[in-house]
PDB file of N, CA and C in Angstrom:
ATOM      1  N   MET A   1       0.821  -1.182   0.000  1.00  0.00           N
ATOM      2  CA  MET A   1       0.000   0.000   0.000  1.00  0.00           C
ATOM      3  C   MET A   1       0.876   1.261   0.000  1.00  0.00           C
ATOM      4  N   LYS A   2       1.977   1.224   0.781  1.00  0.00           N
ATOM      5  CA  LYS A   2       2.868   2.374   0.816  1.00  0.00           C
ATOM      6  C   LYS A   2       3.463   2.643  -0.554  1.00  0.00           C
ATOM      7  N   LYS A   3       3.693   1.566  -1.313  1.00  0.00           N
ATOM      8  CA  LYS A   3       4.251   1.730  -2.655  1.00  0.00           C
ATOM      9  C   LYS A   3       3.277   2.474  -3.556  1.00  0.00           C
ATOM     10  N   ILE A   4       1.987   2.143  -3.446  1.00  0.00           N
ATOM     11  CA  ILE A   4       0.976   2.797  -4.279  1.00  0.00           C
ATOM     12  C   ILE A   4       0.902   4.279  -3.950  1.00  0.00           C
ATOM     13  N   ILE A   5       0.886   4.597  -2.661  1.00  0.00           N
ATOM     14  CA  ILE A   5       0.817   5.998  -2.247  1.00  0.00           C
ATOM     15  C   ILE A   5       2.058   6.738  -2.722  1.00  0.00           C
ATOM     16  N   THR A   6       3.213   6.108  -2.566  1.00  0.00           N
ATOM     17  CA  THR A   6       4.457   6.734  -3.010  1.00  0.00           C
ATOM     18  C   THR A   6       4.431   6.984  -4.514  1.00  0.00           C
ATOM     19  N   ILE A   7       3.937   6.020  -5.268  1.00  0.00           N
ATOM     20  CA  ILE A   7       3.848   6.176  -6.723  1.00  0.00           C
ATOM     21  C   ILE A   7       2.903   7.317  -7.066  1.00  0.00           C
ATOM     22  N   CYS A   8       1.742   7.389  -6.374  1.00  0.00           N
ATOM     23  CA  CYS A   8       0.784   8.472  -6.622  1.00  0.00           C
ATOM     24  C   CYS A   8       1.414   9.835  -6.347  1.00  0.00           C
ATOM     25  N   LEU A   9       2.114   9.941  -5.220  1.00  0.00           N
ATOM     26  CA  LEU A   9       2.749  11.212  -4.884  1.00  0.00           C
ATOM     27  C   LEU A   9       3.837  11.570  -5.892  1.00  0.00           C
ATOM     28  N   LEU A  10       4.599  10.577  -6.342  1.00  0.00           N
ATOM     29  CA  LEU A  10       5.621  10.837  -7.346  1.00  0.00           C
ATOM     30  C   LEU A  10       5.004  11.277  -8.668  1.00  0.00           C
ATOM     31  N   CYS A  11       3.881  10.642  -9.031  1.00  0.00           N
ATOM     32  CA  CYS A  11       3.186  11.030 -10.269  1.00  0.00           C
ATOM     33  C   CYS A  11       2.703  12.473 -10.169  1.00  0.00           C
ATOM     34  N   MET A  12       2.141  12.813  -8.997  1.00  0.00           N
ATOM     35  CA  MET A  12       1.657  14.181  -8.811  1.00  0.00           C
ATOM     36  C   MET A  12       2.828  15.160  -8.870  1.00  0.00           C
ATOM     37  N   ALA A  13       3.951  14.783  -8.278  1.00  0.00           N
ATOM     38  CA  ALA A  13       5.134  15.643  -8.320  1.00  0.00           C
ATOM     39  C   ALA A  13       5.625  15.796  -9.750  1.00  0.00           C
ATOM     40  N   THR A  14       5.612  14.708 -10.515  1.00  0.00           N
ATOM     41  CA  THR A  14       6.046  14.749 -11.909  1.00  0.00           C
ATOM     42  C   THR A  14       5.154  15.674 -12.712  1.00  0.00           C
ATOM     43  N   ILE A  15       3.852  15.574 -12.480  1.00  0.00           N
ATOM     44  CA  ILE A  15       2.909  16.461 -13.169  1.00  0.00           C
ATOM     45  C   ILE A  15       3.239  17.907 -12.818  1.00  0.00           C
ATOM     46  N   GLY A  16       3.497  18.134 -11.543  1.00  0.00           N
ATOM     47  CA  GLY A  16       3.811  19.486 -11.097  1.00  0.00           C
ATOM     48  C   GLY A  16       5.068  20.029 -11.734  1.00  0.00           C
ATOM     49  N   PHE A  17       6.120  19.223 -11.844  1.00  0.00           N
ATOM     50  CA  PHE A  17       7.374  19.684 -12.412  1.00  0.00           C
ATOM     51  C   PHE A  17       7.307  19.827 -13.924  1.00  0.00           C
ATOM     52  N   SER A  18       6.389  19.117 -14.575  1.00  0.00           N
ATOM     53  CA  SER A  18       6.311  19.191 -16.027  1.00  0.00           C
ATOM     54  C   SER A  18       5.515  20.418 -16.483  1.00  0.00           C
ATOM     55  N   GLN A  19       4.914  21.129 -15.567  1.00  0.00           N
ATOM     56  CA  GLN A  19       4.114  22.287 -15.903  1.00  0.00           C
ATOM     57  C   GLN A  19       4.982  23.534 -15.986  1.00  0.00           C
ATOM     58  N   LYS A  20       4.560  24.455 -16.838  1.00  0.00           N
ATOM     59  CA  LYS A  20       5.202  25.757 -16.877  1.00  0.00           C
ATOM     60  C   LYS A  20       4.764  26.578 -15.670  1.00  0.00           C
ATOM     61  N   ILE A  21       3.510  26.436 -15.293  1.00  0.00           N
ATOM     62  CA  ILE A  21       2.991  27.149 -14.135  1.00  0.00           C
ATOM     63  C   ILE A  21       3.142  26.249 -12.923  1.00  0.00           C
ATOM     64  N   LYS A  22       3.859  26.730 -11.949  1.00  0.00           N
ATOM     65  CA  LYS A  22       4.145  25.930 -10.757  1.00  0.00           C
ATOM     66  C   LYS A  22       2.889  25.779  -9.904  1.00  0.00           C
ATOM     67  N   PRO A  23       2.734  24.615  -9.254  1.00  0.00           N
ATOM     68  CA  PRO A  23       1.613  24.415  -8.336  1.00  0.00           C
ATOM     69  C   PRO A  23       1.719  25.386  -7.162  1.00  0.00           C
ATOM     70  N   THR A  24       0.588  25.661  -6.557  1.00  0.00           N
ATOM     71  CA  THR A  24       0.581  26.510  -5.366  1.00  0.00           C
ATOM     72  C   THR A  24       0.158  25.676  -4.167  1.00  0.00           C
ATOM     73  N   TYR A  25       0.698  26.046  -3.013  1.00  0.00           N
ATOM     74  CA  TYR A  25       0.382  25.363  -1.762  1.00  0.00           C
ATOM     75  C   TYR A  25       0.069  26.427  -0.726  1.00  0.00           C
ATOM     76  N   LYS A  26      -1.065  26.266  -0.038  1.00  0.00           N
ATOM     77  CA  LYS A  26      -1.496  27.257   0.939  1.00  0.00           C
ATOM     78  C   LYS A  26      -1.916  26.529   2.212  1.00  0.00           C
ATOM     79  N   VAL A  27      -1.364  26.936   3.324  1.00  0.00           N
ATOM     80  CA  VAL A  27      -1.709  26.327   4.610  1.00  0.00           C
ATOM     81  C   VAL A  27      -3.071  26.847   5.048  1.00  0.00           C
ATOM     82  N   GLU A  28      -3.968  25.905   5.362  1.00  0.00           N
ATOM     83  CA  GLU A  28      -5.305  26.234   5.869  1.00  0.00           C
ATOM     84  C   GLU A  28      -5.548  25.380   7.104  1.00  0.00           C
ATOM     85  N   GLY A  29      -5.246  25.934   8.280  1.00  0.00           N
ATOM     86  CA  GLY A  29      -5.355  25.176   9.524  1.00  0.00           C
ATOM     87  C   GLY A  29      -4.304  24.085   9.551  1.00  0.00           C
ATOM     88  N   ASP A  30      -4.748  22.834   9.740  1.00  0.00           N
ATOM     89  CA  ASP A  30      -3.799  21.719   9.751  1.00  0.00           C
ATOM     90  C   ASP A  30      -3.692  21.046   8.385  1.00  0.00           C
ATOM     91  N   LEU A  31      -4.258  21.676   7.362  1.00  0.00           N
ATOM     92  CA  LEU A  31      -4.218  21.143   5.996  1.00  0.00           C
ATOM     93  C   LEU A  31      -3.370  22.039   5.101  1.00  0.00           C
ATOM     94  N   VAL A  32      -2.905  21.463   4.008  1.00  0.00           N
ATOM     95  CA  VAL A  32      -2.230  22.235   2.963  1.00  0.00           C
ATOM     96  C   VAL A  32      -3.055  22.078   1.696  1.00  0.00           C
ATOM     97  N   LYS A  33      -3.543  23.199   1.179  1.00  0.00           N
ATOM     98  CA  LYS A  33      -4.333  23.177  -0.053  1.00  0.00           C
ATOM     99  C   LYS A  33      -3.386  23.257  -1.240  1.00  0.00           C
ATOM    100  N   ALA A  34      -3.448  22.242  -2.096  1.00  0.00           N
ATOM    101  CA  ALA A  34      -2.597  22.178  -3.284  1.00  0.00           C
ATOM    102  C   ALA A  34      -3.441  22.474  -4.515  1.00  0.00           C
ATOM    103  N   THR A  35      -2.901  23.292  -5.403  1.00  0.00           N
ATOM    104  CA  THR A  35      -3.572  23.600  -6.662  1.00  0.00           C
ATOM    105  C   THR A  35      -2.572  23.404  -7.792  1.00  0.00           C
ATOM    106  N   TYR A  36      -2.948  22.584  -8.755  1.00  0.00           N
ATOM    107  CA  TYR A  36      -2.126  22.306  -9.937  1.00  0.00           C
ATOM    108  C   TYR A  36      -2.818  22.943 -11.137  1.00  0.00           C
ATOM    109  N   TYR A  37      -2.015  23.439 -12.094  1.00  0.00           N
ATOM    110  CA  TYR A  37      -2.550  24.230 -13.193  1.00  0.00           C
ATOM    111  C   TYR A  37      -2.202  23.648 -14.559  1.00  0.00           C
ATOM    112  N   TYR A  38      -3.082  23.941 -15.537  1.00  0.00           N
ATOM    113  CA  TYR A  38      -2.756  23.705 -16.938  1.00  0.00           C
ATOM    114  C   TYR A  38      -1.794  24.799 -17.383  1.00  0.00           C
ATOM    115  N   ASP A  39      -1.157  24.602 -18.515  1.00  0.00           N
ATOM    116  CA  ASP A  39      -0.220  25.604 -19.037  1.00  0.00           C
ATOM    117  C   ASP A  39      -0.887  26.956 -19.289  1.00  0.00           C
ATOM    118  N   ASN A  40      -2.193  26.956 -19.547  1.00  0.00           N
ATOM    119  CA  ASN A  40      -2.896  28.217 -19.803  1.00  0.00           C
ATOM    120  C   ASN A  40      -3.285  28.948 -18.513  1.00  0.00           C
ATOM    121  N   GLY A  41      -2.966  28.358 -17.353  1.00  0.00           N
ATOM    122  CA  GLY A  41      -3.251  29.016 -16.080  1.00  0.00           C
ATOM    123  C   GLY A  41      -4.526  28.558 -15.405  1.00  0.00           C
ATOM    124  N   ASP A  42      -5.362  27.795 -16.101  1.00  0.00           N
ATOM    125  CA  ASP A  42      -6.590  27.287 -15.494  1.00  0.00           C
ATOM    126  C   ASP A  42      -6.260  26.168 -14.510  1.00  0.00           C
ATOM    127  N   ILE A  43      -7.121  26.022 -13.515  1.00  0.00           N
ATOM    128  CA  ILE A  43      -6.911  24.985 -12.502  1.00  0.00           C
ATOM    129  C   ILE A  43      -7.144  23.608 -13.109  1.00  0.00           C
ATOM    130  N   LYS A  44      -6.210  22.699 -12.852  1.00  0.00           N
ATOM    131  CA  LYS A  44      -6.295  21.317 -13.316  1.00  0.00           C
ATOM    132  C   LYS A  44      -6.804  20.405 -12.198  1.00  0.00           C
ATOM    133  N   THR A  45      -6.181  20.495 -11.035  1.00  0.00           N
ATOM    134  CA  THR A  45      -6.536  19.665  -9.886  1.00  0.00           C
ATOM    135  C   THR A  45      -6.348  20.488  -8.626  1.00  0.00           C
ATOM    136  N   GLN A  46      -7.270  20.259  -7.665  1.00  0.00           N
ATOM    137  CA  GLN A  46      -7.174  20.984  -6.407  1.00  0.00           C
ATOM    138  C   GLN A  46      -7.616  20.082  -5.267  1.00  0.00           C
ATOM    139  N   GLY A  47      -6.841  20.098  -4.185  1.00  0.00           N
ATOM    140  CA  GLY A  47      -7.203  19.280  -3.038  1.00  0.00           C
ATOM    141  C   GLY A  47      -6.296  19.557  -1.866  1.00  0.00           C
ATOM    142  N   PHE A  48      -6.363  18.677  -0.879  1.00  0.00           N
ATOM    143  CA  PHE A  48      -5.666  18.920   0.379  1.00  0.00           C
ATOM    144  C   PHE A  48      -4.730  17.784   0.760  1.00  0.00           C
ATOM    145  N   PHE A  49      -3.706  18.165   1.503  1.00  0.00           N
ATOM    146  CA  PHE A  49      -2.787  17.225   2.143  1.00  0.00           C
ATOM    147  C   PHE A  49      -2.860  17.451   3.645  1.00  0.00           C
ATOM    148  N   LYS A  50      -2.748  16.373   4.385  1.00  0.00           N
ATOM    149  CA  LYS A  50      -2.613  16.462   5.838  1.00  0.00           C
ATOM    150  C   LYS A  50      -1.498  15.496   6.223  1.00  0.00           C
ATOM    151  N   ASP A  51      -0.489  15.995   6.901  1.00  0.00           N
ATOM    152  CA  ASP A  51       0.672  15.177   7.264  1.00  0.00           C
ATOM    153  C   ASP A  51       1.278  14.503   6.036  1.00  0.00           C
ATOM    154  N   SER A  52       1.377  15.242   4.936  1.00  0.00           N
ATOM    155  CA  SER A  52       1.957  14.785   3.665  1.00  0.00           C
ATOM    156  C   SER A  52       1.169  13.675   2.982  1.00  0.00           C
ATOM    157  N   LYS A  53      -0.092  13.479   3.387  1.00  0.00           N
ATOM    158  CA  LYS A  53      -0.947  12.464   2.763  1.00  0.00           C
ATOM    159  C   LYS A  53      -2.170  13.146   2.172  1.00  0.00           C
ATOM    160  N   LEU A  54      -2.647  12.588   1.054  1.00  0.00           N
ATOM    161  CA  LEU A  54      -3.874  13.109   0.463  1.00  0.00           C
ATOM    162  C   LEU A  54      -4.979  13.056   1.502  1.00  0.00           C
ATOM    163  N   SER A  55      -5.782  14.126   1.556  1.00  0.00           N
ATOM    164  CA  SER A  55      -6.816  14.191   2.582  1.00  0.00           C
ATOM    165  C   SER A  55      -8.007  15.005   2.079  1.00  0.00           C
ATOM    166  N   GLY A  56      -9.200  14.555   2.404  1.00  0.00           N
ATOM    167  CA  GLY A  56     -10.392  15.315   2.048  1.00  0.00           C
ATOM    168  C   GLY A  56     -10.720  15.274   0.571  1.00  0.00           C
ATOM    169  N   GLU A  57     -11.330  16.358   0.120  1.00  0.00           N
ATOM    170  CA  GLU A  57     -11.859  16.428  -1.247  1.00  0.00           C
ATOM    171  C   GLU A  57     -10.782  16.863  -2.239  1.00  0.00           C
ATOM    172  N   TRP A  58     -10.717  16.160  -3.373  1.00  0.00           N
ATOM    173  CA  TRP A  58      -9.861  16.511  -4.498  1.00  0.00           C
ATOM    174  C   TRP A  58     -10.753  16.670  -5.723  1.00  0.00           C
ATOM    175  N   THR A  59     -10.578  17.766  -6.449  1.00  0.00           N
ATOM    176  CA  THR A  59     -11.399  18.056  -7.621  1.00  0.00           C
ATOM    177  C   THR A  59     -10.500  18.193  -8.843  1.00  0.00           C
ATOM    178  N   LYS A  60     -10.948  17.592  -9.948  1.00  0.00           N
ATOM    179  CA  LYS A  60     -10.201  17.667 -11.207  1.00  0.00           C
ATOM    180  C   LYS A  60     -11.076  18.371 -12.238  1.00  0.00           C
ATOM    181  N   TYR A  61     -10.441  19.239 -13.035  1.00  0.00           N
ATOM    182  CA  TYR A  61     -11.134  20.000 -14.075  1.00  0.00           C
ATOM    183  C   TYR A  61     -10.498  19.710 -15.430  1.00  0.00           C
ATOM    184  N   ASN A  62     -11.300  19.802 -16.493  1.00  0.00           N
ATOM    185  CA  ASN A  62     -10.725  19.665 -17.829  1.00  0.00           C
ATOM    186  C   ASN A  62     -10.185  21.021 -18.276  1.00  0.00           C
ATOM    187  N   LYS A  63      -9.627  21.083 -19.476  1.00  0.00           N
ATOM    188  CA  LYS A  63      -8.997  22.313 -19.957  1.00  0.00           C
ATOM    189  C   LYS A  63      -9.993  23.445 -20.192  1.00  0.00           C
ATOM    190  N   GLU A  64     -11.279  23.102 -20.275  1.00  0.00           N
ATOM    191  CA  GLU A  64     -12.306  24.126 -20.444  1.00  0.00           C
ATOM    192  C   GLU A  64     -12.819  24.634 -19.100  1.00  0.00           C
ATOM    193  N   GLY A  65     -12.288  24.102 -18.006  1.00  0.00           N
ATOM    194  CA  GLY A  65     -12.704  24.542 -16.669  1.00  0.00           C
ATOM    195  C   GLY A  65     -13.915  23.822 -16.116  1.00  0.00           C
ATOM    196  N   VAL A  66     -14.329  22.747 -16.781  1.00  0.00           N
ATOM    197  CA  VAL A  66     -15.494  21.973 -16.338  1.00  0.00           C
ATOM    198  C   VAL A  66     -15.027  20.877 -15.381  1.00  0.00           C
ATOM    199  N   LYS A  67     -15.739  20.736 -14.273  1.00  0.00           N
ATOM    200  CA  LYS A  67     -15.402  19.702 -13.299  1.00  0.00           C
ATOM    201  C   LYS A  67     -15.612  18.325 -13.923  1.00  0.00           C
ATOM    202  N   VAL A  68     -14.571  17.473 -13.875  1.00  0.00           N
ATOM    203  CA  VAL A  68     -14.668  16.138 -14.459  1.00  0.00           C
ATOM    204  C   VAL A  68     -14.402  15.025 -13.445  1.00  0.00           C
ATOM    205  N   GLY A  69     -13.997  15.398 -12.245  1.00  0.00           N
ATOM    206  CA  GLY A  69     -13.738  14.375 -11.233  1.00  0.00           C
ATOM    207  C   GLY A  69     -13.821  14.939  -9.835  1.00  0.00           C
ATOM    208  N   LEU A  70     -14.331  14.121  -8.928  1.00  0.00           N
ATOM    209  CA  LEU A  70     -14.419  14.486  -7.524  1.00  0.00           C
ATOM    210  C   LEU A  70     -14.046  13.256  -6.720  1.00  0.00           C
ATOM    211  N   ALA A  71     -13.011  13.381  -5.888  1.00  0.00           N
ATOM    212  CA  ALA A  71     -12.484  12.232  -5.151  1.00  0.00           C
ATOM    213  C   ALA A  71     -12.309  12.599  -3.682  1.00  0.00           C
ATOM    214  N   TYR A  72     -12.309  11.574  -2.823  1.00  0.00           N
ATOM    215  CA  TYR A  72     -12.124  11.792  -1.387  1.00  0.00           C
ATOM    216  C   TYR A  72     -11.056  10.851  -0.850  1.00  0.00           C
ATOM    217  N   TYR A  73     -10.233  11.395   0.035  1.00  0.00           N
ATOM    218  CA  TYR A  73      -9.161  10.638   0.664  1.00  0.00           C
ATOM    219  C   TYR A  73      -9.198  10.853   2.174  1.00  0.00           C
ATOM    220  N   LYS A  74      -8.744   9.843   2.896  1.00  0.00           N
ATOM    221  CA  LYS A  74      -8.542   9.963   4.337  1.00  0.00           C
ATOM    222  C   LYS A  74      -7.227   9.281   4.652  1.00  0.00           C
ATOM    223  N   GLU A  75      -6.282  10.054   5.167  1.00  0.00           N
ATOM    224  CA  GLU A  75      -4.944   9.549   5.498  1.00  0.00           C
ATOM    225  C   GLU A  75      -4.291   8.858   4.297  1.00  0.00           C
ATOM    226  N   GLY A  76      -4.479   9.439   3.109  1.00  0.00           N
ATOM    227  CA  GLY A  76      -3.873   8.912   1.895  1.00  0.00           C
ATOM    228  C   GLY A  76      -4.612   7.761   1.250  1.00  0.00           C
ATOM    229  N   LYS A  77      -5.731   7.348   1.840  1.00  0.00           N
ATOM    230  CA  LYS A  77      -6.489   6.215   1.297  1.00  0.00           C
ATOM    231  C   LYS A  77      -7.787   6.702   0.652  1.00  0.00           C
ATOM    232  N   LYS A  78      -8.178   6.007  -0.412  1.00  0.00           N
ATOM    233  CA  LYS A  78      -9.415   6.339  -1.111  1.00  0.00           C
ATOM    234  C   LYS A  78     -10.604   5.951  -0.243  1.00  0.00           C
ATOM    235  N   VAL A  79     -11.545   6.886  -0.093  1.00  0.00           N
ATOM    236  CA  VAL A  79     -12.734   6.630   0.719  1.00  0.00           C
ATOM    237  C   VAL A  79     -13.970   7.226   0.061  1.00  0.00           C
ATOM    238  N   GLY A  80     -15.119   6.691   0.432  1.00  0.00           N
ATOM    239  CA  GLY A  80     -16.392   7.266   0.026  1.00  0.00           C
ATOM    240  C   GLY A  80     -16.696   7.192  -1.450  1.00  0.00           C
ATOM    241  N   LYS A  81     -17.590   8.073  -1.860  1.00  0.00           N
ATOM    242  CA  LYS A  81     -18.051   8.098  -3.244  1.00  0.00           C
ATOM    243  C   LYS A  81     -17.199   9.058  -4.071  1.00  0.00           C
ATOM    244  N   TRP A  82     -16.695   8.539  -5.173  1.00  0.00           N
ATOM    245  CA  TRP A  82     -15.961   9.336  -6.151  1.00  0.00           C
ATOM    246  C   TRP A  82     -16.872   9.504  -7.355  1.00  0.00           C
ATOM    247  N   PHE A  83     -16.752  10.635  -8.049  1.00  0.00           N
ATOM    248  CA  PHE A  83     -17.570  10.900  -9.226  1.00  0.00           C
ATOM    249  C   PHE A  83     -16.684  11.289 -10.395  1.00  0.00           C
ATOM    250  N   ILE A  84     -17.000  10.739 -11.566  1.00  0.00           N
ATOM    251  CA  ILE A  84     -16.299  11.061 -12.800  1.00  0.00           C
ATOM    252  C   ILE A  84     -17.353  11.443 -13.836  1.00  0.00           C
ATOM    253  N   TRP A  85     -17.231  12.656 -14.365  1.00  0.00           N
ATOM    254  CA  TRP A  85     -18.167  13.146 -15.355  1.00  0.00           C
ATOM    255  C   TRP A  85     -17.532  13.134 -16.728  1.00  0.00           C
ATOM    256  N   SER A  86     -18.332  12.792 -17.712  1.00  0.00           N
ATOM    257  CA  SER A  86     -17.912  12.949 -19.102  1.00  0.00           C
ATOM    258  C   SER A  86     -19.120  13.454 -19.878  1.00  0.00           C
ATOM    259  N   LYS A  87     -18.933  13.665 -21.147  1.00  0.00           N
ATOM    260  CA  LYS A  87     -20.033  14.127 -21.995  1.00  0.00           C
ATOM    261  C   LYS A  87     -21.165  13.093 -22.042  1.00  0.00           C
ATOM    262  N   ASP A  88     -20.805  11.814 -21.936  1.00  0.00           N
ATOM    263  CA  ASP A  88     -21.765  10.746 -22.140  1.00  0.00           C
ATOM    264  C   ASP A  88     -22.277  10.071 -20.868  1.00  0.00           C
ATOM    265  N   TYR A  89     -21.621  10.293 -19.732  1.00  0.00           N
ATOM    266  CA  TYR A  89     -22.029   9.568 -18.521  1.00  0.00           C
ATOM    267  C   TYR A  89     -21.544  10.243 -17.243  1.00  0.00           C
ATOM    268  N   LEU A  90     -22.116   9.788 -16.141  1.00  0.00           N
ATOM    269  CA  LEU A  90     -21.635  10.104 -14.803  1.00  0.00           C
ATOM    270  C   LEU A  90     -21.341   8.767 -14.153  1.00  0.00           C
ATOM    271  N   LYS A  91     -20.136   8.617 -13.653  1.00  0.00           N
ATOM    272  CA  LYS A  91     -19.752   7.364 -13.013  1.00  0.00           C
ATOM    273  C   LYS A  91     -19.546   7.631 -11.528  1.00  0.00           C
ATOM    274  N   GLU A  92     -20.168   6.802 -10.694  1.00  0.00           N
ATOM    275  CA  GLU A  92     -20.012   6.875  -9.242  1.00  0.00           C
ATOM    276  C   GLU A  92     -19.258   5.628  -8.792  1.00  0.00           C
ATOM    277  N   ILE A  93     -18.137   5.841  -8.130  1.00  0.00           N
ATOM    278  CA  ILE A  93     -17.320   4.725  -7.641  1.00  0.00           C
ATOM    279  C   ILE A  93     -17.294   4.822  -6.126  1.00  0.00           C
ATOM    280  N   ASN A  94     -17.706   3.758  -5.466  1.00  0.00           N
ATOM    281  CA  ASN A  94     -17.743   3.742  -4.007  1.00  0.00           C
ATOM    282  C   ASN A  94     -16.543   2.957  -3.485  1.00  0.00           C
ATOM    283  N   TYR A  95     -15.738   3.610  -2.648  1.00  0.00           N
ATOM    284  CA  TYR A  95     -14.547   2.982  -2.065  1.00  0.00           C
ATOM    285  C   TYR A  95     -14.787   2.632  -0.601  1.00  0.00           C
ATOM    286  N   VAL A  96     -14.410   1.416  -0.228  1.00  0.00           N
ATOM    287  CA  VAL A  96     -14.426   0.963   1.156  1.00  0.00           C
ATOM    288  C   VAL A  96     -13.071   0.317   1.424  1.00  0.00           C
ATOM    289  N   ASP A  97     -12.416   0.714   2.491  1.00  0.00           N
ATOM    290  CA  ASP A  97     -11.089   0.184   2.833  1.00  0.00           C
ATOM    291  C   ASP A  97     -10.106   0.303   1.670  1.00  0.00           C
ATOM    292  N   ASN A  98     -10.152   1.448   0.979  1.00  0.00           N
ATOM    293  CA  ASN A  98      -9.233   1.751  -0.115  1.00  0.00           C
ATOM    294  C   ASN A  98      -9.414   0.839  -1.331  1.00  0.00           C
ATOM    295  N   SER A  99     -10.549   0.132  -1.398  1.00  0.00           N
ATOM    296  CA  SER A  99     -10.849  -0.750  -2.532  1.00  0.00           C
ATOM    297  C   SER A  99     -12.217  -0.397  -3.104  1.00  0.00           C
ATOM    298  N   ILE A 100     -12.377  -0.666  -4.385  1.00  0.00           N
ATOM    299  CA  ILE A 100     -13.666  -0.396  -5.030  1.00  0.00           C
ATOM    300  C   ILE A 100     -14.707  -1.376  -4.512  1.00  0.00           C
ATOM    301  N   ALA A 101     -15.801  -0.829  -3.961  1.00  0.00           N
ATOM    302  CA  ALA A 101     -16.897  -1.654  -3.459  1.00  0.00           C
ATOM    303  C   ALA A 101     -18.014  -1.756  -4.498  1.00  0.00           C
ATOM    304  N   SER A 102     -18.234  -0.662  -5.248  1.00  0.00           N
ATOM    305  CA  SER A 102     -19.273  -0.689  -6.283  1.00  0.00           C
ATOM    306  C   SER A 102     -19.027   0.438  -7.274  1.00  0.00           C
ATOM    307  N   VAL A 103     -19.606   0.248  -8.465  1.00  0.00           N
ATOM    308  CA  VAL A 103     -19.532   1.258  -9.517  1.00  0.00           C
ATOM    309  C   VAL A 103     -20.916   1.387 -10.131  1.00  0.00           C
ATOM    310  N   ASN A 104     -21.405   2.612 -10.214  1.00  0.00           N
ATOM    311  CA  ASN A 104     -22.676   2.898 -10.873  1.00  0.00           C
ATOM    312  C   ASN A 104     -22.407   3.875 -11.997  1.00  0.00           C
ATOM    313  N   THR A 105     -23.085   3.652 -13.136  1.00  0.00           N
ATOM    314  CA  THR A 105     -22.910   4.527 -14.288  1.00  0.00           C
ATOM    315  C   THR A 105     -24.268   5.029 -14.745  1.00  0.00           C
ATOM    316  N   TRP A 106     -24.361   6.344 -14.919  1.00  0.00           N
ATOM    317  CA  TRP A 106     -25.565   6.951 -15.452  1.00  0.00           C
ATOM    318  C   TRP A 106     -25.209   7.529 -16.802  1.00  0.00           C
ATOM    319  N   LYS A 107     -25.890   7.041 -17.852  1.00  0.00           N
ATOM    320  CA  LYS A 107     -25.623   7.529 -19.198  1.00  0.00           C
ATOM    321  C   LYS A 107     -26.603   8.663 -19.503  1.00  0.00           C
ATOM    322  N   THR A 108     -26.119   9.644 -20.241  1.00  0.00           N
ATOM    323  CA  THR A 108     -26.944  10.808 -20.532  1.00  0.00           C
ATOM    324  C   THR A 108     -28.096  10.497 -21.486  1.00  0.00           C
ATOM    325  N   ASP A 109     -27.968   9.425 -22.268  1.00  0.00           N
ATOM    326  CA  ASP A 109     -29.031   9.083 -23.214  1.00  0.00           C
ATOM    327  C   ASP A 109     -30.090   8.162 -22.615  1.00  0.00           C
ATOM    328  N   SER A 110     -29.983   7.820 -21.350  1.00  0.00           N
ATOM    329  CA  SER A 110     -30.997   6.974 -20.727  1.00  0.00           C
ATOM    330  C   SER A 110     -31.429   7.583 -19.402  1.00  0.00           C
ATOM    331  N   LYS A 111     -32.579   7.184 -18.935  1.00  0.00           N
ATOM    332  CA  LYS A 111     -33.097   7.691 -17.665  1.00  0.00           C
ATOM    333  C   LYS A 111     -32.954   6.648 -16.582  1.00  0.00           C
ATOM    334  N   MET A 112     -32.171   5.611 -16.874  1.00  0.00           N
ATOM    335  CA  MET A 112     -31.997   4.515 -15.932  1.00  0.00           C
ATOM    336  C   MET A 112     -30.511   4.376 -15.568  1.00  0.00           C
ATOM    337  N   ALA A 113     -30.263   4.134 -14.305  1.00  0.00           N
ATOM    338  CA  ALA A 113     -28.879   3.924 -13.867  1.00  0.00           C
ATOM    339  C   ALA A 113     -28.486   2.484 -14.135  1.00  0.00           C
ATOM    340  N   LEU A 114     -27.252   2.303 -14.567  1.00  0.00           N
ATOM    341  CA  LEU A 114     -26.724   0.955 -14.789  1.00  0.00           C
ATOM    342  C   LEU A 114     -25.749   0.638 -13.680  1.00  0.00           C
ATOM    343  N   ASN A 115     -25.913  -0.526 -13.061  1.00  0.00           N
ATOM    344  CA  ASN A 115     -25.012  -0.935 -12.004  1.00  0.00           C
ATOM    345  C   ASN A 115     -24.054  -1.980 -12.559  1.00  0.00           C
ATOM    346  N   ASN A 116     -22.795  -1.584 -12.737  1.00  0.00           N
ATOM    347  CA  ASN A 116     -21.789  -2.486 -13.315  1.00  0.00           C
ATOM    348  C   ASN A 116     -21.047  -3.193 -12.221  1.00  0.00           C
TER     349      ASN A 116
END
């Protein structure tokens, strides 16, 4: 598990270093709010760290500024309901004990939810 977290943090660091616009970090109480940017200056990803671990809500945006992902972490582990939006669907992924417990997909062309 530590390897996965380390890989995730390294990937995030790599993304940060590959950008022309440097990420920003702001202390908010016992959390650090991290914001990563696209080259055009728009926000790409935003979320929090606590004790150097992913914590709380993380939001991802596409290059047009539209929210495309919402994720939650506790002590670096995936928790709760995550949401992924696309033009064609909304996907809800439920995490329990850092593992996928269920996935629901709502397609924009139907009025019925599909449980995969």
